[in-house]
Amino acid sequence: MVHHLQSLQDFSKKELLGFINRAIELKKERLSGVSHQQLAGKTVGLIFEKPSTRTRVSFESAMYGLGGQVIFLSGRDTQLARSEPLKDMARVMARYVDGMVVRTFGQQVVTELARYSSVPVINALTDLHHPCQILSDIMTVVEKKGNIEELTIAWVGDGNNMANSWIQAAGRIGFELILACPEGYDPNPEILASVLEEAVKPITVVRNPEEAVAAADVVNTDVWASMGQESEQEERLAIFQPLQINAALMAKAPADAIVLHCLPAHREEEITEEVLESERCVAFDQAENKMHMHKAILERLLGGK
């Protein structure tokens, strides 16, 4: 049976923790000089309608690091730009590659490709979900802080695709999550309502960032205007300014709280230079872990030996 990764809800708690533990194991093996060849002879197609640096390079490095091959296609290189039916593209691409990694705008693109593809489709980002990133982030948290089920995670900023996937992770794995979002910029209400039905720890949305970080083991943020929202940049700067991750806000958090940022960071906007370059911030370890997590995902879904 083909197993796609459209969102974190596609997997059980055991499976999600399995990705995290396997990524940590693969990282340790790489650092000790182990050569990975689990995907030798396999090819993955990267189909990116949205530009990327870290996601593209980390997926390519992960696939090459497992002995496989990569074909990269930007939006202009595919028939998506020419309105070819997604079901046609899915059935053709599945005869060329062993898996597809898709970075696009609408979640419906990933859903439609997965529906008709006979090979795994992996969501590398949509406007609704960012599952691979959140798995990488949780891997980083586990490395730095231990068992995530015993921790409190704070999300401070936009209720965007990252926030949606953090909500799904909290519900499925079972950790406390507090999201501080300005009014009108909350996470997807349908996702939140659905997850709350299964959550065993509190998942709450507040307005005050100090309330969110007061008991947080991890303080997490992202840019205030994502790709496709550039026209809202100035308006968002004014609305989100009280949610900036700065020294004053971090002084309200426990002294051992760490800071996450998925990068790229807009310094002096959502996070200050001082905090981003501080010892509390693990953003660059977090960025590295994308590669190790992508290895674990590709190995599992593409049937690595």
Protein backbone atom coordinates (compact mmCIF):
# COMPACT_ATOMS: atom_id res chain seq x y z
CA MET A 1 0.00 0.00 0.00
CA VAL A 2 1.33 3.46 -0.95
CA HIS A 3 1.66 5.77 2.06
CA HIS A 4 1.63 9.49 1.33
CA LEU A 5 2.60 12.34 3.66
CA GLN A 6 -0.01 15.03 3.09
CA SER A 7 -0.26 16.16 6.71
CA LEU A 8 0.76 14.86 10.12
CA GLN A 9 -2.73 13.44 10.58
CA ASP A 10 -1.80 10.75 8.05
CA PHE A 11 0.32 9.00 10.69
CA SER A 12 -0.15 7.57 14.16
CA LYS A 13 1.72 8.75 17.23
CA LYS A 14 3.95 5.68 17.00
CA GLU A 15 4.76 6.42 13.36
CA LEU A 16 5.53 10.10 14.00
CA LEU A 17 7.84 9.25 16.89
CA GLY A 18 9.36 6.59 14.64
CA PHE A 19 10.32 9.27 12.09
CA ILE A 20 11.91 11.35 14.84
CA ASN A 21 13.86 8.50 16.43
CA ARG A 22 15.03 7.24 13.04
CA ALA A 23 16.21 10.72 11.99
CA ILE A 24 18.24 11.02 15.19
CA GLU A 25 19.74 7.59 14.50
CA LEU A 26 20.59 8.46 10.90
CA LYS A 27 22.22 11.70 12.06
CA LYS A 28 24.41 9.84 14.54
CA GLU A 29 25.37 7.27 11.90
CA ARG A 30 26.34 10.00 9.43
CA LEU A 31 28.47 11.74 12.03
CA SER A 32 30.25 8.44 12.73
CA GLY A 33 31.03 7.95 9.04
CA VAL A 34 28.38 5.38 8.12
CA SER A 35 27.58 5.40 4.38
CA HIS A 36 23.85 5.13 3.69
CA GLN A 37 22.71 3.39 0.52
CA GLN A 38 19.13 2.43 1.41
CA LEU A 39 17.66 4.16 -1.64
CA ALA A 40 20.30 3.19 -4.20
CA GLY A 41 18.64 2.79 -7.58
CA LYS A 42 15.63 4.95 -6.62
CA THR A 43 14.72 8.40 -7.92
CA VAL A 44 12.61 11.11 -6.34
CA GLY A 45 11.02 13.99 -8.23
CA LEU A 46 11.04 17.39 -6.51
CA ILE A 47 8.14 19.48 -7.87
CA PHE A 48 8.42 23.01 -6.48
CA GLU A 49 5.96 25.74 -7.43
CA LYS A 50 7.27 27.83 -4.51
CA PRO A 51 10.95 28.80 -4.39
CA SER A 52 13.10 27.24 -1.71
CA THR A 53 16.65 27.07 -0.42
CA ARG A 54 16.67 24.91 2.72
CA THR A 55 13.83 22.56 1.74
CA ARG A 56 15.21 21.88 -1.72
CA VAL A 57 18.83 21.42 -0.67
CA SER A 58 17.95 19.34 2.37
CA PHE A 59 15.74 16.97 0.34
CA GLU A 60 18.36 16.68 -2.39
CA SER A 61 21.13 16.08 0.13
CA ALA A 62 18.97 13.53 1.94
CA MET A 63 18.21 11.58 -1.22
CA TYR A 64 21.81 11.64 -2.45
CA GLY A 65 22.91 10.73 1.06
CA LEU A 66 20.78 7.59 0.85
CA GLY A 67 22.31 6.61 -2.50
CA GLY A 68 19.37 7.76 -4.62
CA GLN A 69 18.89 10.27 -7.42
CA VAL A 70 16.92 13.52 -7.69
CA ILE A 71 15.06 15.22 -10.54
CA PHE A 72 14.14 18.84 -9.73
CA LEU A 73 11.25 20.56 -11.50
CA SER A 74 10.23 24.15 -10.83
CA GLY A 75 6.65 25.25 -11.49
CA ARG A 76 7.53 26.62 -14.91
CA ASP A 77 9.11 23.27 -15.85
CA THR A 78 5.91 21.27 -15.38
CA GLN A 79 2.54 21.11 -17.01
CA LEU A 80 1.06 22.63 -13.84
CA ALA A 81 1.80 26.00 -15.42
CA ARG A 82 -0.16 24.93 -18.48
CA SER A 83 -3.21 23.60 -16.64
CA GLU A 84 -2.62 19.91 -17.27
CA PRO A 85 -4.98 17.92 -15.03
CA LEU A 86 -3.18 16.91 -11.85
CA LYS A 87 -4.47 13.36 -12.17
CA ASP A 88 -2.70 13.05 -15.52
CA MET A 89 0.54 14.42 -14.16
CA ALA A 90 0.37 12.10 -11.14
CA ARG A 91 -0.07 8.97 -13.23
CA VAL A 92 2.71 9.89 -15.63
CA MET A 93 5.24 10.99 -13.01
CA ALA A 94 4.61 7.82 -11.02
CA ARG A 95 5.96 5.83 -13.98
CA TYR A 96 9.20 7.84 -13.99
CA VAL A 97 10.07 8.23 -10.30
CA ASP A 98 9.77 6.33 -7.03
CA GLY A 99 8.33 9.27 -5.12
CA MET A 100 7.30 12.91 -5.46
CA VAL A 101 8.15 15.76 -3.09
CA VAL A 102 5.79 18.67 -3.70
CA ARG A 103 6.09 22.31 -2.55
CA THR A 104 3.11 24.31 -3.72
CA PHE A 105 0.37 26.74 -2.72
CA GLY A 106 -2.95 24.94 -2.40
CA GLN A 107 -3.29 21.77 -0.33
CA GLN A 108 -5.62 20.45 -3.04
CA VAL A 109 -2.59 20.02 -5.36
CA VAL A 110 -0.97 17.55 -2.96
CA THR A 111 -4.31 15.84 -2.30
CA GLU A 112 -5.05 15.35 -5.99
CA LEU A 113 -1.55 14.11 -6.81
CA ALA A 114 -1.72 11.63 -3.94
CA ARG A 115 -5.14 10.41 -5.02
CA TYR A 116 -3.90 9.34 -8.44
CA SER A 117 -0.24 8.55 -7.78
CA SER A 118 0.97 4.98 -7.39
CA VAL A 119 4.14 6.25 -5.66
CA PRO A 120 4.42 8.23 -2.41
CA VAL A 121 3.65 11.95 -2.50
CA ILE A 122 5.35 14.03 0.22
CA ASN A 123 4.10 17.47 1.19
CA ALA A 124 7.15 19.74 1.38
CA LEU A 125 4.91 22.77 2.11
CA THR A 126 1.49 24.08 1.20
CA ASP A 127 -0.36 27.13 2.45
CA LEU A 128 -2.21 24.82 4.89
CA HIS A 129 0.45 22.40 6.17
CA HIS A 130 4.22 22.09 6.63
CA PRO A 131 4.56 18.58 8.09
CA CYS A 132 8.20 17.81 7.27
CA GLN A 133 9.35 21.05 8.88
CA ILE A 134 7.49 20.36 12.11
CA LEU A 135 8.93 16.85 12.31
CA SER A 136 12.40 18.39 11.94
CA ASP A 137 11.56 20.93 14.64
CA ILE A 138 10.36 18.26 17.04
CA MET A 139 13.51 16.26 16.37
CA THR A 140 15.50 19.34 17.43
CA VAL A 141 13.40 19.76 20.56
CA VAL A 142 13.93 16.11 21.52
CA GLU A 143 17.69 16.48 21.04
CA LYS A 144 17.83 19.61 23.18
CA LYS A 145 15.12 19.05 25.79
CA GLY A 146 14.23 15.35 25.89
CA ASN A 147 10.76 13.78 25.86
CA ILE A 148 8.47 16.23 24.07
CA GLU A 149 5.39 14.78 25.74
CA GLU A 150 6.57 16.37 29.00
CA LEU A 151 7.19 19.80 27.46
CA THR A 152 5.20 22.95 26.75
CA ILE A 153 5.66 24.50 23.31
CA ALA A 154 4.83 28.14 22.58
CA TRP A 155 4.07 29.38 19.09
CA VAL A 156 4.25 33.17 18.78
CA GLY A 157 3.16 34.75 15.50
CA ASP A 158 0.92 34.02 12.55
CA GLY A 159 -1.56 31.14 12.64
CA ASN A 160 -0.09 29.86 9.37
CA ASN A 161 0.78 26.47 7.91
CA MET A 162 3.46 25.98 10.55
CA ALA A 163 0.98 26.66 13.34
CA ASN A 164 -1.52 24.24 11.78
CA SER A 165 1.05 21.46 11.65
CA TRP A 166 2.21 22.16 15.21
CA ILE A 167 -1.42 21.78 16.29
CA GLN A 168 -1.68 18.43 14.55
CA ALA A 169 1.59 17.27 16.10
CA ALA A 170 0.46 18.32 19.58
CA GLY A 171 -2.81 16.46 19.23
CA ARG A 172 -1.34 13.29 17.81
CA ILE A 173 1.84 13.03 19.93
CA GLY A 174 0.42 14.54 23.11
CA PHE A 175 2.19 17.69 24.33
CA GLU A 176 0.96 21.07 25.51
CA LEU A 177 0.85 23.83 22.91
CA ILE A 178 0.09 27.51 23.44
CA LEU A 179 -0.29 29.73 20.38
CA ALA A 180 -0.14 33.52 20.64
CA CYS A 181 -1.69 35.02 17.50
CA PRO A 182 -3.18 38.46 16.80
CA GLU A 183 -6.94 38.56 16.43
CA GLY A 184 -7.86 37.69 12.86
CA TYR A 185 -4.70 35.63 12.32
CA ASP A 186 -5.63 32.45 14.15
CA PRO A 187 -4.79 28.94 12.93
CA ASN A 188 -7.24 27.10 10.69
CA PRO A 189 -10.40 26.66 12.83
CA GLU A 190 -11.35 23.32 11.27
CA ILE A 191 -7.92 21.84 11.98
CA LEU A 192 -7.97 23.16 15.54
CA ALA A 193 -11.48 21.82 16.23
CA SER A 194 -10.64 18.42 14.79
CA VAL A 195 -7.43 18.08 16.78
CA LEU A 196 -9.03 19.17 20.05
CA GLU A 197 -11.26 16.09 19.85
CA GLU A 198 -8.23 13.81 20.29
CA ALA A 199 -5.81 16.01 22.26
CA VAL A 200 -4.73 14.72 25.67
CA LYS A 201 -2.87 17.91 26.62
CA PRO A 202 -4.14 21.52 26.35
CA ILE A 203 -3.92 23.32 23.01
CA THR A 204 -4.86 26.96 23.47
CA VAL A 205 -4.87 30.17 21.45
CA VAL A 206 -4.14 33.42 23.31
CA ARG A 207 -3.45 37.02 22.34
CA ASN A 208 -0.72 37.91 24.83
CA PRO A 209 2.74 36.56 23.92
CA GLU A 210 3.90 36.86 27.53
CA GLU A 211 1.14 34.47 28.54
CA ALA A 212 2.25 32.02 25.87
CA VAL A 213 5.92 31.93 26.88
CA ALA A 214 5.49 32.09 30.68
CA ALA A 215 5.84 28.31 31.16
CA ALA A 216 7.28 27.39 27.76
CA ASP A 217 10.20 25.02 27.31
CA VAL A 218 10.33 26.04 23.63
CA VAL A 219 9.49 29.40 22.05
CA ASN A 220 8.84 29.12 18.34
CA THR A 221 8.17 31.68 15.61
CA ASP A 222 8.15 32.25 11.84
CA VAL A 223 8.04 35.20 9.44
CA TRP A 224 4.98 37.40 9.71
CA ALA A 225 4.27 37.50 5.95
CA SER A 226 4.71 34.22 4.10
CA MET A 227 5.20 33.73 0.35
CA GLY A 228 2.16 35.05 -1.45
CA GLN A 229 1.41 37.60 1.28
CA GLU A 230 3.95 40.22 0.26
CA SER A 231 1.21 42.78 -0.38
CA GLU A 232 0.25 42.53 3.31
CA GLN A 233 3.79 43.12 4.57
CA GLU A 234 3.40 46.66 5.91
CA GLU A 235 0.01 45.97 7.51
CA ARG A 236 1.32 42.82 9.16
CA LEU A 237 4.40 44.59 10.52
CA ALA A 238 2.18 46.90 12.54
CA ILE A 239 -0.19 44.17 13.74
CA PHE A 240 2.47 41.63 14.72
CA GLN A 241 5.04 43.98 16.28
CA PRO A 242 3.91 43.20 19.87
CA LEU A 243 4.70 39.52 19.18
CA GLN A 244 8.37 40.02 18.33
CA ILE A 245 10.71 37.48 19.93
CA ASN A 246 13.11 39.79 21.73
CA ALA A 247 15.09 39.89 24.96
CA ALA A 248 12.22 41.45 26.88
CA LEU A 249 9.82 38.67 25.89
CA MET A 250 12.38 35.91 26.52
CA ALA A 251 12.91 37.35 30.01
CA LYS A 252 9.31 36.30 30.70
CA ALA A 253 10.06 32.70 29.70
CA PRO A 254 11.86 30.10 31.85
CA ALA A 255 15.63 30.62 31.84
CA ASP A 256 16.25 27.31 30.06
CA ALA A 257 13.69 27.83 27.29
CA ILE A 258 15.09 27.44 23.78
CA VAL A 259 14.10 29.38 20.66
CA LEU A 260 13.15 27.90 17.30
CA HIS A 261 12.86 29.62 13.92
CA CYS A 262 12.44 27.65 10.69
CA LEU A 263 14.32 30.32 8.67
CA PRO A 264 14.74 32.46 6.70
CA ALA A 265 14.52 35.02 9.49
CA HIS A 266 13.65 38.67 9.04
CA ARG A 267 15.94 40.06 11.71
CA GLU A 268 14.43 42.85 13.80
CA GLU A 269 10.95 41.89 12.62
CA GLU A 270 9.63 38.62 14.10
CA ILE A 271 12.91 38.00 15.96
CA THR A 272 15.76 40.27 16.97
CA GLU A 273 19.38 39.79 16.00
CA GLU A 274 20.19 39.51 19.70
CA VAL A 275 17.91 36.52 20.27
CA LEU A 276 18.62 34.81 16.95
CA GLU A 277 22.38 34.88 17.62
CA SER A 278 22.05 33.91 21.28
CA GLU A 279 22.90 30.53 22.77
CA ARG A 280 19.20 29.97 23.46
CA CYS A 281 18.39 29.92 19.75
CA VAL A 282 18.84 26.57 17.98
CA ALA A 283 17.66 27.66 14.52
CA PHE A 284 20.76 26.44 12.72
CA ASP A 285 20.69 23.01 14.35
CA GLN A 286 17.01 22.99 13.40
CA ALA A 287 17.93 23.76 9.78
CA GLU A 288 20.47 20.95 9.67
CA ASN A 289 17.95 18.51 11.07
CA LYS A 290 15.72 19.00 8.04
CA MET A 291 18.19 16.90 6.05
CA HIS A 292 18.25 14.09 8.61
CA MET A 293 14.48 14.11 8.96
CA HIS A 294 14.00 14.07 5.20
CA LYS A 295 16.26 11.02 5.09
CA ALA A 296 14.01 9.25 7.58
CA ILE A 297 10.87 10.20 5.64
CA LEU A 298 12.27 9.17 2.26
CA GLU A 299 13.66 5.91 3.63
CA ARG A 300 10.32 4.98 5.22
CA LEU A 301 8.00 5.99 2.38
CA LEU A 302 10.15 4.89 -0.55
CA GLY A 303 10.85 1.51 0.96
CA GLY A 304 14.53 1.87 1.71
CA LYS A 305 16.41 -1.32 2.49
